Amino acid sequence: MNGKRNIVFIINPISGTQSKDEMPKLIADHLNESRFHYEVRFTEYAGHAAEIARQCAADGIDIVVAVGGDGTINEVARSLVHTDTALGIIPCGSGNGLARHLCIPMDAVKAIQIINNCQIESFDYGVINDLPFFCTCGMGFDAFISLKFAEAGKRGPITYVENVLKEGLKYEPETYEIVDENGTVYHKAFLIACANASQYGNNAYIAPGATMRDGMMDVIIMEPFDALEAPQIAADLFMKTLGNNSKIKTFRAQSIHIHRKKAGAIHYDGDPIMTGTDVDVHIEHMGIKILTNPEAPEDTAQPNQLLNAFSDFFNNINNVREDIGKGSRRIQAINKVLLRKLRS
């Protein structure tokens, strides 16, 4: 085979917010065929990407490229852990959290150029109740919103934000028992997130200092907050300053056990699932190989639609809060301003 590597592109035609019809031609036009033998496969049903990737690993394929959103990437990646087959990414989703953390370009042609460079490195991944995740997992409000997002019938950052604004003020926080190697603590929390990488997607930084190489996860506890505090928390999320907010408590661990009073949703890389009262999360150190961008450090913020829509709003948020009165009418006005900016 003249030293060429074998590579399979797995394309999910329905993931994310953009068409994949032109992807095979882009691959044919821009992949360096002097370095690769390649094949393109389209998924046909839920879970198909995981099946294809699992067979690729068993067959000794060198690289499997996930072409889709965070869900497709998770499907492919979880089938490649602890194998010699590396994960490649062409991000086509609505959030693209792992790709953004690893500085994989959002432009497909540039992402293919990263594949041509073929720089492969090992990274950590996480497991929540036997479900692998590569960016974040959690419970509480973010898992609840993941359920709402999945039920919304349309994708994209505007849908996500609309659900956050609509549901956030009526969500009831829970009390959690959290056990790690240092003992047991109790927290009433709006959400608990466990981060292997720095962000949810769309440059929303739940754990700005997280790295995928240290064998640890960042655990983020967001305490209950009132309507007037919500915009500042949102601003901190996108400005990488969440750790400075008094409502945020963080620590780092290799594994934790969480007990809650009632069953509910959890999420792994944004995919929601219902589970019981006990949740276990841990990190698998250097358990997956990924093609990386040799010209960019891990986790450099990249431009995106949602951050651009939010930036002016966040920069002027204090003026907005001072100008529009008190009580519930204030947060309603803030929400209207935000949604108007998102739609403009």
C-alpha atoms as a PDB file:
ATOM      1  CA  MET A   1       0.000   0.000   0.000  1.00  0.00           C
ATOM      2  CA  ASN A   2       3.069   2.234  -0.395  1.00  0.00           C
ATOM      3  CA  GLY A   3       2.949   3.274   3.238  1.00  0.00           C
ATOM      4  CA  LYS A   4      -0.433   4.940   2.909  1.00  0.00           C
ATOM      5  CA  ARG A   5      -2.723   5.112   5.929  1.00  0.00           C
ATOM      6  CA  ASN A   6      -6.274   3.790   5.742  1.00  0.00           C
ATOM      7  CA  ILE A   7      -8.927   6.345   6.654  1.00  0.00           C
ATOM      8  CA  VAL A   8     -12.726   6.122   6.818  1.00  0.00           C
ATOM      9  CA  PHE A   9     -14.982   9.193   6.866  1.00  0.00           C
ATOM     10  CA  ILE A  10     -18.283   8.631   8.670  1.00  0.00           C
ATOM     11  CA  ILE A  11     -20.825  11.246   7.638  1.00  0.00           C
ATOM     12  CA  ASN A  12     -24.064  11.779   9.539  1.00  0.00           C
ATOM     13  CA  PRO A  13     -26.318  13.422   6.927  1.00  0.00           C
ATOM     14  CA  ILE A  14     -28.830  14.771   9.449  1.00  0.00           C
ATOM     15  CA  SER A  15     -26.624  16.056  12.273  1.00  0.00           C
ATOM     16  CA  GLY A  16     -26.101  19.724  12.981  1.00  0.00           C
ATOM     17  CA  THR A  17     -27.509  22.600  10.967  1.00  0.00           C
ATOM     18  CA  GLN A  18     -25.790  22.270   7.581  1.00  0.00           C
ATOM     19  CA  SER A  19     -26.072  19.966   4.580  1.00  0.00           C
ATOM     20  CA  LYS A  20     -23.425  17.261   4.060  1.00  0.00           C
ATOM     21  CA  ASP A  21     -24.222  16.758   0.356  1.00  0.00           C
ATOM     22  CA  GLU A  22     -20.983  18.395  -0.787  1.00  0.00           C
ATOM     23  CA  MET A  23     -18.767  16.676   1.749  1.00  0.00           C
ATOM     24  CA  PRO A  24     -17.659  13.708  -0.410  1.00  0.00           C
ATOM     25  CA  LYS A  25     -16.528  16.118  -3.137  1.00  0.00           C
ATOM     26  CA  LEU A  26     -14.671  18.299  -0.619  1.00  0.00           C
ATOM     27  CA  ILE A  27     -12.893  15.220   0.686  1.00  0.00           C
ATOM     28  CA  ALA A  28     -12.013  14.083  -2.832  1.00  0.00           C
ATOM     29  CA  ASP A  29     -10.749  17.546  -3.782  1.00  0.00           C
ATOM     30  CA  HIS A  30      -8.710  18.308  -0.670  1.00  0.00           C
ATOM     31  CA  LEU A  31      -7.572  15.078   0.980  1.00  0.00           C
ATOM     32  CA  ASN A  32      -3.937  14.242   0.252  1.00  0.00           C
ATOM     33  CA  GLU A  33      -4.375  10.914  -1.542  1.00  0.00           C
ATOM     34  CA  SER A  34      -0.629  10.380  -1.676  1.00  0.00           C
ATOM     35  CA  ARG A  35      -0.850   9.772   2.091  1.00  0.00           C
ATOM     36  CA  PHE A  36      -4.227   8.031   2.457  1.00  0.00           C
ATOM     37  CA  HIS A  37      -6.458   5.299   1.097  1.00  0.00           C
ATOM     38  CA  TYR A  38      -9.932   6.525   2.021  1.00  0.00           C
ATOM     39  CA  GLU A  39     -13.565   5.478   2.085  1.00  0.00           C
ATOM     40  CA  VAL A  40     -16.707   7.529   2.770  1.00  0.00           C
ATOM     41  CA  ARG A  41     -19.604   5.981   4.695  1.00  0.00           C
ATOM     42  CA  PHE A  42     -22.980   7.612   5.433  1.00  0.00           C
ATOM     43  CA  THR A  43     -24.903   6.697   8.566  1.00  0.00           C
ATOM     44  CA  GLU A  44     -28.394   5.321   8.055  1.00  0.00           C
ATOM     45  CA  TYR A  45     -29.847   5.166  11.579  1.00  0.00           C
ATOM     46  CA  ALA A  46     -29.170   6.099  15.182  1.00  0.00           C
ATOM     47  CA  GLY A  47     -26.120   4.286  16.487  1.00  0.00           C
ATOM     48  CA  HIS A  48     -24.834   3.433  13.016  1.00  0.00           C
ATOM     49  CA  ALA A  49     -21.767   5.656  13.379  1.00  0.00           C
ATOM     50  CA  ALA A  50     -20.722   3.718  16.485  1.00  0.00           C
ATOM     51  CA  GLU A  51     -21.154   0.415  14.644  1.00  0.00           C
ATOM     52  CA  ILE A  52     -19.079   1.539  11.665  1.00  0.00           C
ATOM     53  CA  ALA A  53     -16.330   2.933  13.883  1.00  0.00           C
ATOM     54  CA  ARG A  54     -16.216  -0.210  16.004  1.00  0.00           C
ATOM     55  CA  GLN A  55     -15.752  -2.349  12.912  1.00  0.00           C
ATOM     56  CA  CYS A  56     -13.088   0.021  11.602  1.00  0.00           C
ATOM     57  CA  ALA A  57     -11.111  -0.358  14.825  1.00  0.00           C
ATOM     58  CA  ALA A  58     -11.462  -4.142  14.670  1.00  0.00           C
ATOM     59  CA  ASP A  59     -10.207  -4.073  11.068  1.00  0.00           C
ATOM     60  CA  GLY A  60      -7.154  -2.017  12.001  1.00  0.00           C
ATOM     61  CA  ILE A  61      -8.160   1.151  10.144  1.00  0.00           C
ATOM     62  CA  ASP A  62      -5.672   3.885  11.018  1.00  0.00           C
ATOM     63  CA  ILE A  63      -8.055   6.867  11.256  1.00  0.00           C
ATOM     64  CA  VAL A  64     -11.822   7.276  11.480  1.00  0.00           C
ATOM     65  CA  VAL A  65     -13.129  10.787  10.825  1.00  0.00           C
ATOM     66  CA  ALA A  66     -16.449  11.846  12.349  1.00  0.00           C
ATOM     67  CA  VAL A  67     -18.264  14.292  10.072  1.00  0.00           C
ATOM     68  CA  GLY A  68     -21.114  15.777  12.087  1.00  0.00           C
ATOM     69  CA  GLY A  69     -21.959  17.310  15.421  1.00  0.00           C
ATOM     70  CA  ASP A  70     -21.025  16.489  19.001  1.00  0.00           C
ATOM     71  CA  GLY A  71     -23.385  13.488  19.070  1.00  0.00           C
ATOM     72  CA  THR A  72     -21.820  11.926  15.986  1.00  0.00           C
ATOM     73  CA  ILE A  73     -18.328  12.630  17.312  1.00  0.00           C
ATOM     74  CA  ASN A  74     -19.225  10.965  20.614  1.00  0.00           C
ATOM     75  CA  GLU A  75     -20.595   7.901  18.795  1.00  0.00           C
ATOM     76  CA  VAL A  76     -17.434   7.477  16.762  1.00  0.00           C
ATOM     77  CA  ALA A  77     -15.024   8.333  19.571  1.00  0.00           C
ATOM     78  CA  ARG A  78     -16.506   5.943  22.107  1.00  0.00           C
ATOM     79  CA  SER A  79     -15.936   3.095  19.636  1.00  0.00           C
ATOM     80  CA  LEU A  80     -12.246   4.001  19.292  1.00  0.00           C
ATOM     81  CA  VAL A  81     -11.181   4.314  22.938  1.00  0.00           C
ATOM     82  CA  HIS A  82      -8.233   2.143  23.943  1.00  0.00           C
ATOM     83  CA  THR A  83      -7.545   1.154  20.332  1.00  0.00           C
ATOM     84  CA  ASP A  84      -4.816   2.115  17.884  1.00  0.00           C
ATOM     85  CA  THR A  85      -7.367   3.799  15.604  1.00  0.00           C
ATOM     86  CA  ALA A  86      -7.295   7.600  15.818  1.00  0.00           C
ATOM     87  CA  LEU A  87     -10.266   9.953  15.736  1.00  0.00           C
ATOM     88  CA  GLY A  88     -10.434  12.734  13.152  1.00  0.00           C
ATOM     89  CA  ILE A  89     -13.044  15.493  13.176  1.00  0.00           C
ATOM     90  CA  ILE A  90     -14.761  17.575  10.528  1.00  0.00           C
ATOM     91  CA  PRO A  91     -17.151  19.656  12.673  1.00  0.00           C
ATOM     92  CA  CYS A  92     -20.622  20.160  11.220  1.00  0.00           C
ATOM     93  CA  GLY A  93     -22.752  20.510  14.339  1.00  0.00           C
ATOM     94  CA  SER A  94     -24.502  23.277  16.218  1.00  0.00           C
ATOM     95  CA  GLY A  95     -22.010  23.406  19.118  1.00  0.00           C
ATOM     96  CA  ASN A  96     -18.812  21.590  18.100  1.00  0.00           C
ATOM     97  CA  GLY A  97     -17.418  21.574  21.628  1.00  0.00           C
ATOM     98  CA  LEU A  98     -14.599  19.044  21.180  1.00  0.00           C
ATOM     99  CA  ALA A  99     -13.501  20.498  17.848  1.00  0.00           C
ATOM    100  CA  ARG A 100     -13.379  24.023  19.279  1.00  0.00           C
ATOM    101  CA  HIS A 101     -11.412  22.897  22.323  1.00  0.00           C
ATOM    102  CA  LEU A 102      -8.866  21.176  20.076  1.00  0.00           C
ATOM    103  CA  CYS A 103      -8.744  24.119  17.647  1.00  0.00           C
ATOM    104  CA  ILE A 104     -10.092  22.103  14.734  1.00  0.00           C
ATOM    105  CA  PRO A 105     -11.294  24.698  12.193  1.00  0.00           C
ATOM    106  CA  MET A 106     -15.024  25.090  11.653  1.00  0.00           C
ATOM    107  CA  ASP A 107     -14.357  25.339   7.905  1.00  0.00           C
ATOM    108  CA  ALA A 108     -14.478  21.845   6.360  1.00  0.00           C
ATOM    109  CA  VAL A 109     -11.626  22.409   3.914  1.00  0.00           C
ATOM    110  CA  LYS A 110      -9.349  23.639   6.691  1.00  0.00           C
ATOM    111  CA  ALA A 111     -10.380  20.690   8.847  1.00  0.00           C
ATOM    112  CA  ILE A 112      -9.368  18.341   6.022  1.00  0.00           C
ATOM    113  CA  GLN A 113      -5.992  20.081   5.921  1.00  0.00           C
ATOM    114  CA  ILE A 114      -5.574  19.195   9.611  1.00  0.00           C
ATOM    115  CA  ILE A 115      -6.217  15.576   8.652  1.00  0.00           C
ATOM    116  CA  ASN A 116      -3.575  15.854   5.914  1.00  0.00           C
ATOM    117  CA  ASN A 117      -1.030  16.895   8.558  1.00  0.00           C
ATOM    118  CA  CYS A 118      -1.829  13.632  10.379  1.00  0.00           C
ATOM    119  CA  GLN A 119      -0.506  14.671  13.782  1.00  0.00           C
ATOM    120  CA  ILE A 120      -1.895  12.150  16.263  1.00  0.00           C
ATOM    121  CA  GLU A 121      -1.804  12.598  20.047  1.00  0.00           C
ATOM    122  CA  SER A 122      -3.347  10.836  23.032  1.00  0.00           C
ATOM    123  CA  PHE A 123      -5.979  12.497  25.219  1.00  0.00           C
ATOM    124  CA  ASP A 124      -8.150  11.773  28.249  1.00  0.00           C
ATOM    125  CA  TYR A 125     -11.826  10.996  28.076  1.00  0.00           C
ATOM    126  CA  GLY A 126     -14.511  10.686  30.740  1.00  0.00           C
ATOM    127  CA  VAL A 127     -17.133   8.132  31.718  1.00  0.00           C
ATOM    128  CA  ILE A 128     -20.461   8.837  33.405  1.00  0.00           C
ATOM    129  CA  ASN A 129     -22.402   5.747  34.469  1.00  0.00           C
ATOM    130  CA  ASP A 130     -20.549   3.679  31.825  1.00  0.00           C
ATOM    131  CA  LEU A 131     -21.239   6.264  29.084  1.00  0.00           C
ATOM    132  CA  PRO A 132     -18.075   7.798  27.569  1.00  0.00           C
ATOM    133  CA  PHE A 133     -17.871  11.564  27.118  1.00  0.00           C
ATOM    134  CA  PHE A 134     -15.113  13.687  25.657  1.00  0.00           C
ATOM    135  CA  CYS A 135     -16.060  17.288  26.515  1.00  0.00           C
ATOM    136  CA  THR A 136     -18.525  17.496  29.385  1.00  0.00           C
ATOM    137  CA  CYS A 137     -21.188  15.617  31.262  1.00  0.00           C
ATOM    138  CA  GLY A 138     -23.508  16.681  34.020  1.00  0.00           C
ATOM    139  CA  MET A 139     -26.840  16.853  35.716  1.00  0.00           C
ATOM    140  CA  GLY A 140     -29.261  19.482  36.826  1.00  0.00           C
ATOM    141  CA  PHE A 141     -30.243  22.340  34.567  1.00  0.00           C
ATOM    142  CA  ASP A 142     -27.862  21.602  31.678  1.00  0.00           C
ATOM    143  CA  ALA A 143     -29.160  18.020  31.420  1.00  0.00           C
ATOM    144  CA  PHE A 144     -32.724  19.324  31.666  1.00  0.00           C
ATOM    145  CA  ILE A 145     -32.051  21.789  28.848  1.00  0.00           C
ATOM    146  CA  SER A 146     -30.443  19.037  26.776  1.00  0.00           C
ATOM    147  CA  LEU A 147     -33.746  17.186  27.001  1.00  0.00           C
ATOM    148  CA  LYS A 148     -35.659  20.295  25.928  1.00  0.00           C
ATOM    149  CA  PHE A 149     -33.210  20.901  23.085  1.00  0.00           C
ATOM    150  CA  ALA A 150     -33.615  17.317  21.874  1.00  0.00           C
ATOM    151  CA  GLU A 151     -37.393  17.755  21.903  1.00  0.00           C
ATOM    152  CA  ALA A 152     -37.378  21.150  20.164  1.00  0.00           C
ATOM    153  CA  GLY A 153     -37.545  19.802  16.609  1.00  0.00           C
ATOM    154  CA  LYS A 154     -34.946  22.255  15.309  1.00  0.00           C
ATOM    155  CA  ARG A 155     -31.264  22.817  16.019  1.00  0.00           C
ATOM    156  CA  GLY A 156     -28.905  25.734  16.363  1.00  0.00           C
ATOM    157  CA  PRO A 157     -27.740  28.149  19.053  1.00  0.00           C
ATOM    158  CA  ILE A 158     -30.862  30.323  18.951  1.00  0.00           C
ATOM    159  CA  THR A 159     -33.068  27.346  19.827  1.00  0.00           C
ATOM    160  CA  TYR A 160     -30.744  26.498  22.692  1.00  0.00           C
ATOM    161  CA  VAL A 161     -30.769  30.022  24.108  1.00  0.00           C
ATOM    162  CA  GLU A 162     -34.540  30.296  23.765  1.00  0.00           C
ATOM    163  CA  ASN A 163     -34.914  27.159  25.873  1.00  0.00           C
ATOM    164  CA  VAL A 164     -32.454  28.458  28.459  1.00  0.00           C
ATOM    165  CA  LEU A 165     -34.297  31.768  28.791  1.00  0.00           C
ATOM    166  CA  LYS A 166     -37.732  30.155  28.836  1.00  0.00           C
ATOM    167  CA  GLU A 167     -37.005  27.391  31.323  1.00  0.00           C
ATOM    168  CA  GLY A 168     -34.206  28.791  33.486  1.00  0.00           C
ATOM    169  CA  LEU A 169     -36.233  30.943  35.843  1.00  0.00           C
ATOM    170  CA  LYS A 170     -38.664  28.184  36.803  1.00  0.00           C
ATOM    171  CA  TYR A 171     -36.133  25.357  37.227  1.00  0.00           C
ATOM    172  CA  GLU A 172     -35.943  24.015  40.795  1.00  0.00           C
ATOM    173  CA  PRO A 173     -32.394  23.286  42.049  1.00  0.00           C
ATOM    174  CA  GLU A 174     -31.656  19.985  43.783  1.00  0.00           C
ATOM    175  CA  THR A 175     -29.465  18.967  46.718  1.00  0.00           C
ATOM    176  CA  TYR A 176     -26.583  16.630  45.837  1.00  0.00           C
ATOM    177  CA  GLU A 177     -24.227  14.492  47.914  1.00  0.00           C
ATOM    178  CA  ILE A 178     -20.786  14.482  46.269  1.00  0.00           C
ATOM    179  CA  VAL A 179     -18.089  12.005  47.271  1.00  0.00           C
ATOM    180  CA  ASP A 180     -14.469  12.079  46.122  1.00  0.00           C
ATOM    181  CA  GLU A 181     -11.104  11.039  47.554  1.00  0.00           C
ATOM    182  CA  ASN A 182     -11.235  13.995  49.963  1.00  0.00           C
ATOM    183  CA  GLY A 183     -14.560  13.086  51.559  1.00  0.00           C
ATOM    184  CA  THR A 184     -18.251  13.976  51.252  1.00  0.00           C
ATOM    185  CA  VAL A 185     -19.866  17.363  50.695  1.00  0.00           C
ATOM    186  CA  TYR A 186     -23.451  18.464  50.171  1.00  0.00           C
ATOM    187  CA  HIS A 187     -24.491  21.167  47.745  1.00  0.00           C
ATOM    188  CA  LYS A 188     -27.782  22.629  46.672  1.00  0.00           C
ATOM    189  CA  ALA A 189     -27.044  23.262  43.019  1.00  0.00           C
ATOM    190  CA  PHE A 190     -28.555  24.584  39.822  1.00  0.00           C
ATOM    191  CA  LEU A 191     -26.268  22.217  37.954  1.00  0.00           C
ATOM    192  CA  ILE A 192     -23.194  20.052  38.385  1.00  0.00           C
ATOM    193  CA  ALA A 193     -20.880  19.724  35.392  1.00  0.00           C
ATOM    194  CA  CYS A 194     -17.850  17.470  35.009  1.00  0.00           C
ATOM    195  CA  ALA A 195     -15.485  18.771  32.350  1.00  0.00           C
ATOM    196  CA  ASN A 196     -12.762  16.891  30.523  1.00  0.00           C
ATOM    197  CA  ALA A 197     -12.503  19.776  28.047  1.00  0.00           C
ATOM    198  CA  SER A 198     -13.137  23.459  28.567  1.00  0.00           C
ATOM    199  CA  GLN A 199     -16.482  24.127  26.931  1.00  0.00           C
ATOM    200  CA  TYR A 200     -19.984  22.951  26.126  1.00  0.00           C
ATOM    201  CA  GLY A 201     -19.666  24.212  22.551  1.00  0.00           C
ATOM    202  CA  ASN A 202     -20.154  27.560  20.814  1.00  0.00           C
ATOM    203  CA  ASN A 203     -17.312  28.860  23.017  1.00  0.00           C
ATOM    204  CA  ALA A 204     -19.449  28.577  26.152  1.00  0.00           C
ATOM    205  CA  TYR A 205     -16.677  27.919  28.706  1.00  0.00           C
ATOM    206  CA  ILE A 206     -17.969  25.915  31.647  1.00  0.00           C
ATOM    207  CA  ALA A 207     -14.365  25.065  32.686  1.00  0.00           C
ATOM    208  CA  PRO A 208     -11.943  27.583  31.150  1.00  0.00           C
ATOM    209  CA  GLY A 209      -8.865  25.939  32.665  1.00  0.00           C
ATOM    210  CA  ALA A 210      -9.665  22.331  31.783  1.00  0.00           C
ATOM    211  CA  THR A 211      -7.194  20.266  29.783  1.00  0.00           C
ATOM    212  CA  MET A 212      -7.583  16.820  28.218  1.00  0.00           C
ATOM    213  CA  ARG A 213      -4.109  15.596  29.170  1.00  0.00           C
ATOM    214  CA  ASP A 214      -3.859  15.655  32.975  1.00  0.00           C
ATOM    215  CA  GLY A 215      -5.956  12.672  34.079  1.00  0.00           C
ATOM    216  CA  MET A 216      -8.328  14.951  35.997  1.00  0.00           C
ATOM    217  CA  MET A 217     -11.736  16.501  35.462  1.00  0.00           C
ATOM    218  CA  ASP A 218     -12.914  19.924  36.534  1.00  0.00           C
ATOM    219  CA  VAL A 219     -16.087  19.662  38.631  1.00  0.00           C
ATOM    220  CA  ILE A 220     -18.258  22.777  38.483  1.00  0.00           C
ATOM    221  CA  ILE A 221     -21.063  23.393  40.954  1.00  0.00           C
ATOM    222  CA  MET A 222     -23.364  26.244  40.030  1.00  0.00           C
ATOM    223  CA  GLU A 223     -25.300  27.363  43.091  1.00  0.00           C
ATOM    224  CA  PRO A 224     -28.867  28.706  42.869  1.00  0.00           C
ATOM    225  CA  PHE A 225     -29.165  32.312  41.706  1.00  0.00           C
ATOM    226  CA  ASP A 226     -31.910  34.841  41.180  1.00  0.00           C
ATOM    227  CA  ALA A 227     -33.161  36.437  37.983  1.00  0.00           C
ATOM    228  CA  LEU A 228     -30.960  39.493  38.278  1.00  0.00           C
ATOM    229  CA  GLU A 229     -27.807  37.368  38.664  1.00  0.00           C
ATOM    230  CA  ALA A 230     -28.519  35.188  35.626  1.00  0.00           C
ATOM    231  CA  PRO A 231     -27.222  37.566  32.919  1.00  0.00           C
ATOM    232  CA  GLN A 232     -23.858  37.959  34.651  1.00  0.00           C
ATOM    233  CA  ILE A 233     -23.455  34.184  34.908  1.00  0.00           C
ATOM    234  CA  ALA A 234     -24.235  33.897  31.204  1.00  0.00           C
ATOM    235  CA  ALA A 235     -21.722  36.629  30.425  1.00  0.00           C
ATOM    236  CA  ASP A 236     -19.046  34.883  32.495  1.00  0.00           C
ATOM    237  CA  LEU A 237     -19.752  31.624  30.676  1.00  0.00           C
ATOM    238  CA  PHE A 238     -18.872  33.143  27.317  1.00  0.00           C
ATOM    239  CA  MET A 239     -16.089  35.427  28.502  1.00  0.00           C
ATOM    240  CA  LYS A 240     -14.107  32.610  30.192  1.00  0.00           C
ATOM    241  CA  THR A 241     -14.536  34.252  33.608  1.00  0.00           C
ATOM    242  CA  LEU A 242     -17.005  31.827  35.209  1.00  0.00           C
ATOM    243  CA  GLY A 243     -14.514  30.921  37.937  1.00  0.00           C
ATOM    244  CA  ASN A 244     -14.674  34.494  39.240  1.00  0.00           C
ATOM    245  CA  ASN A 245     -18.410  34.309  39.895  1.00  0.00           C
ATOM    246  CA  SER A 246     -19.426  33.864  43.538  1.00  0.00           C
ATOM    247  CA  LYS A 247     -22.146  31.376  42.535  1.00  0.00           C
ATOM    248  CA  ILE A 248     -19.573  28.969  41.094  1.00  0.00           C
ATOM    249  CA  LYS A 249     -17.645  26.408  43.159  1.00  0.00           C
ATOM    250  CA  THR A 250     -15.015  24.238  41.474  1.00  0.00           C
ATOM    251  CA  PHE A 251     -12.624  21.442  42.334  1.00  0.00           C
ATOM    252  CA  ARG A 252     -10.683  18.818  40.431  1.00  0.00           C
ATOM    253  CA  ALA A 253     -10.867  15.040  40.775  1.00  0.00           C
ATOM    254  CA  GLN A 254     -10.098  11.795  38.985  1.00  0.00           C
ATOM    255  CA  SER A 255     -13.436  10.297  40.021  1.00  0.00           C
ATOM    256  CA  ILE A 256     -16.560  11.272  41.958  1.00  0.00           C
ATOM    257  CA  HIS A 257     -19.807   9.682  43.119  1.00  0.00           C
ATOM    258  CA  ILE A 258     -22.969  11.794  43.218  1.00  0.00           C
ATOM    259  CA  HIS A 259     -26.199  10.905  45.007  1.00  0.00           C
ATOM    260  CA  ARG A 260     -29.442  12.821  44.529  1.00  0.00           C
ATOM    261  CA  LYS A 261     -32.874  12.329  46.022  1.00  0.00           C
ATOM    262  CA  LYS A 262     -34.713  11.404  42.848  1.00  0.00           C
ATOM    263  CA  ALA A 263     -34.014   9.974  39.424  1.00  0.00           C
ATOM    264  CA  GLY A 264     -33.586  12.403  36.544  1.00  0.00           C
ATOM    265  CA  ALA A 265     -31.667  13.378  33.472  1.00  0.00           C
ATOM    266  CA  ILE A 266     -27.931  13.389  32.957  1.00  0.00           C
ATOM    267  CA  HIS A 267     -26.106  14.316  29.775  1.00  0.00           C
ATOM    268  CA  TYR A 268     -22.894  13.178  28.127  1.00  0.00           C
ATOM    269  CA  ASP A 269     -21.556  15.594  25.504  1.00  0.00           C
ATOM    270  CA  GLY A 270     -25.020  17.137  25.327  1.00  0.00           C
ATOM    271  CA  ASP A 271     -26.928  13.885  24.750  1.00  0.00           C
ATOM    272  CA  PRO A 272     -29.526  13.446  27.514  1.00  0.00           C
ATOM    273  CA  ILE A 273     -30.558  10.211  29.160  1.00  0.00           C
ATOM    274  CA  MET A 274     -32.675   9.426  32.193  1.00  0.00           C
ATOM    275  CA  THR A 275     -30.932   7.622  35.033  1.00  0.00           C
ATOM    276  CA  GLY A 276     -31.280   6.854  38.716  1.00  0.00           C
ATOM    277  CA  THR A 277     -30.288   8.569  41.936  1.00  0.00           C
ATOM    278  CA  ASP A 278     -26.633   7.495  41.895  1.00  0.00           C
ATOM    279  CA  VAL A 279     -24.147   8.786  39.333  1.00  0.00           C
ATOM    280  CA  ASP A 280     -20.475   7.863  38.975  1.00  0.00           C
ATOM    281  CA  VAL A 281     -18.018   9.889  36.888  1.00  0.00           C
ATOM    282  CA  HIS A 282     -14.333   9.232  36.246  1.00  0.00           C
ATOM    283  CA  ILE A 283     -11.527  10.063  33.822  1.00  0.00           C
ATOM    284  CA  GLU A 284      -9.687   7.544  31.644  1.00  0.00           C
ATOM    285  CA  HIS A 285      -6.180   8.941  31.233  1.00  0.00           C
ATOM    286  CA  MET A 286      -4.801   9.092  27.674  1.00  0.00           C
ATOM    287  CA  GLY A 287      -7.461   6.656  26.486  1.00  0.00           C
ATOM    288  CA  ILE A 288      -8.102   7.952  22.979  1.00  0.00           C
ATOM    289  CA  LYS A 289      -5.950   9.039  20.030  1.00  0.00           C
ATOM    290  CA  ILE A 290      -7.058  12.157  18.111  1.00  0.00           C
ATOM    291  CA  LEU A 291      -5.767  14.041  15.077  1.00  0.00           C
ATOM    292  CA  THR A 292      -4.835  17.507  16.301  1.00  0.00           C
ATOM    293  CA  ASN A 293      -4.019  20.916  14.909  1.00  0.00           C
ATOM    294  CA  PRO A 294      -0.210  21.271  15.041  1.00  0.00           C
ATOM    295  CA  GLU A 295      -0.372  25.042  14.610  1.00  0.00           C
ATOM    296  CA  ALA A 296      -2.674  25.909  17.512  1.00  0.00           C
ATOM    297  CA  PRO A 297      -2.514  25.215  21.250  1.00  0.00           C
ATOM    298  CA  GLU A 298      -5.249  23.175  22.854  1.00  0.00           C
ATOM    299  CA  ASP A 299      -8.323  25.340  23.517  1.00  0.00           C
ATOM    300  CA  THR A 300      -7.981  28.637  21.661  1.00  0.00           C
ATOM    301  CA  ALA A 301     -11.337  30.388  21.324  1.00  0.00           C
ATOM    302  CA  GLN A 302     -12.703  30.468  17.778  1.00  0.00           C
ATOM    303  CA  PRO A 303     -15.315  32.859  16.348  1.00  0.00           C
ATOM    304  CA  ASN A 304     -18.861  31.577  16.238  1.00  0.00           C
ATOM    305  CA  GLN A 305     -22.382  32.785  15.639  1.00  0.00           C
ATOM    306  CA  LEU A 306     -23.549  32.594  19.238  1.00  0.00           C
ATOM    307  CA  LEU A 307     -20.606  34.463  20.742  1.00  0.00           C
ATOM    308  CA  ASN A 308     -20.888  37.228  18.135  1.00  0.00           C
ATOM    309  CA  ALA A 309     -24.592  37.559  18.883  1.00  0.00           C
ATOM    310  CA  PHE A 310     -23.957  37.771  22.621  1.00  0.00           C
ATOM    311  CA  SER A 311     -20.892  40.010  22.692  1.00  0.00           C
ATOM    312  CA  ASP A 312     -22.538  43.435  22.379  1.00  0.00           C
ATOM    313  CA  PHE A 313     -25.239  42.425  24.812  1.00  0.00           C
ATOM    314  CA  PHE A 314     -22.753  41.238  27.412  1.00  0.00           C
ATOM    315  CA  ASN A 315     -20.568  44.326  27.050  1.00  0.00           C
ATOM    316  CA  ASN A 316     -23.545  46.560  27.801  1.00  0.00           C
ATOM    317  CA  ILE A 317     -25.345  44.348  30.269  1.00  0.00           C
ATOM    318  CA  ASN A 318     -24.892  46.581  33.319  1.00  0.00           C
ATOM    319  CA  ASN A 319     -26.352  49.564  31.457  1.00  0.00           C
ATOM    320  CA  VAL A 320     -29.288  47.433  30.364  1.00  0.00           C
ATOM    321  CA  ARG A 321     -29.930  46.271  33.907  1.00  0.00           C
ATOM    322  CA  GLU A 322     -29.869  49.834  35.240  1.00  0.00           C
ATOM    323  CA  ASP A 323     -32.163  51.186  32.549  1.00  0.00           C
ATOM    324  CA  ILE A 324     -35.086  48.777  32.496  1.00  0.00           C
ATOM    325  CA  GLY A 325     -36.498  48.865  35.983  1.00  0.00           C
ATOM    326  CA  LYS A 326     -36.915  46.327  38.755  1.00  0.00           C
ATOM    327  CA  GLY A 327     -38.301  42.874  39.515  1.00  0.00           C
ATOM    328  CA  SER A 328     -39.518  40.314  37.027  1.00  0.00           C
ATOM    329  CA  ARG A 329     -40.070  42.959  34.333  1.00  0.00           C
ATOM    330  CA  ARG A 330     -36.315  43.601  34.372  1.00  0.00           C
ATOM    331  CA  ILE A 331     -35.306  40.060  33.467  1.00  0.00           C
ATOM    332  CA  GLN A 332     -38.103  39.828  30.896  1.00  0.00           C
ATOM    333  CA  ALA A 333     -36.733  42.933  29.207  1.00  0.00           C
ATOM    334  CA  ILE A 334     -33.195  41.524  29.300  1.00  0.00           C
ATOM    335  CA  ASN A 335     -34.412  38.328  27.680  1.00  0.00           C
ATOM    336  CA  LYS A 336     -36.197  40.272  24.936  1.00  0.00           C
ATOM    337  CA  VAL A 337     -33.062  42.286  24.209  1.00  0.00           C
ATOM    338  CA  LEU A 338     -30.985  39.120  24.016  1.00  0.00           C
ATOM    339  CA  LEU A 339     -33.359  37.280  21.717  1.00  0.00           C
ATOM    340  CA  ARG A 340     -33.673  40.358  19.469  1.00  0.00           C
ATOM    341  CA  LYS A 341     -29.882  40.467  19.116  1.00  0.00           C
ATOM    342  CA  LEU A 342     -29.726  36.760  18.368  1.00  0.00           C
ATOM    343  CA  ARG A 343     -32.282  37.103  15.574  1.00  0.00           C
ATOM    344  CA  SER A 344     -30.703  40.234  14.054  1.00  0.00           C
END
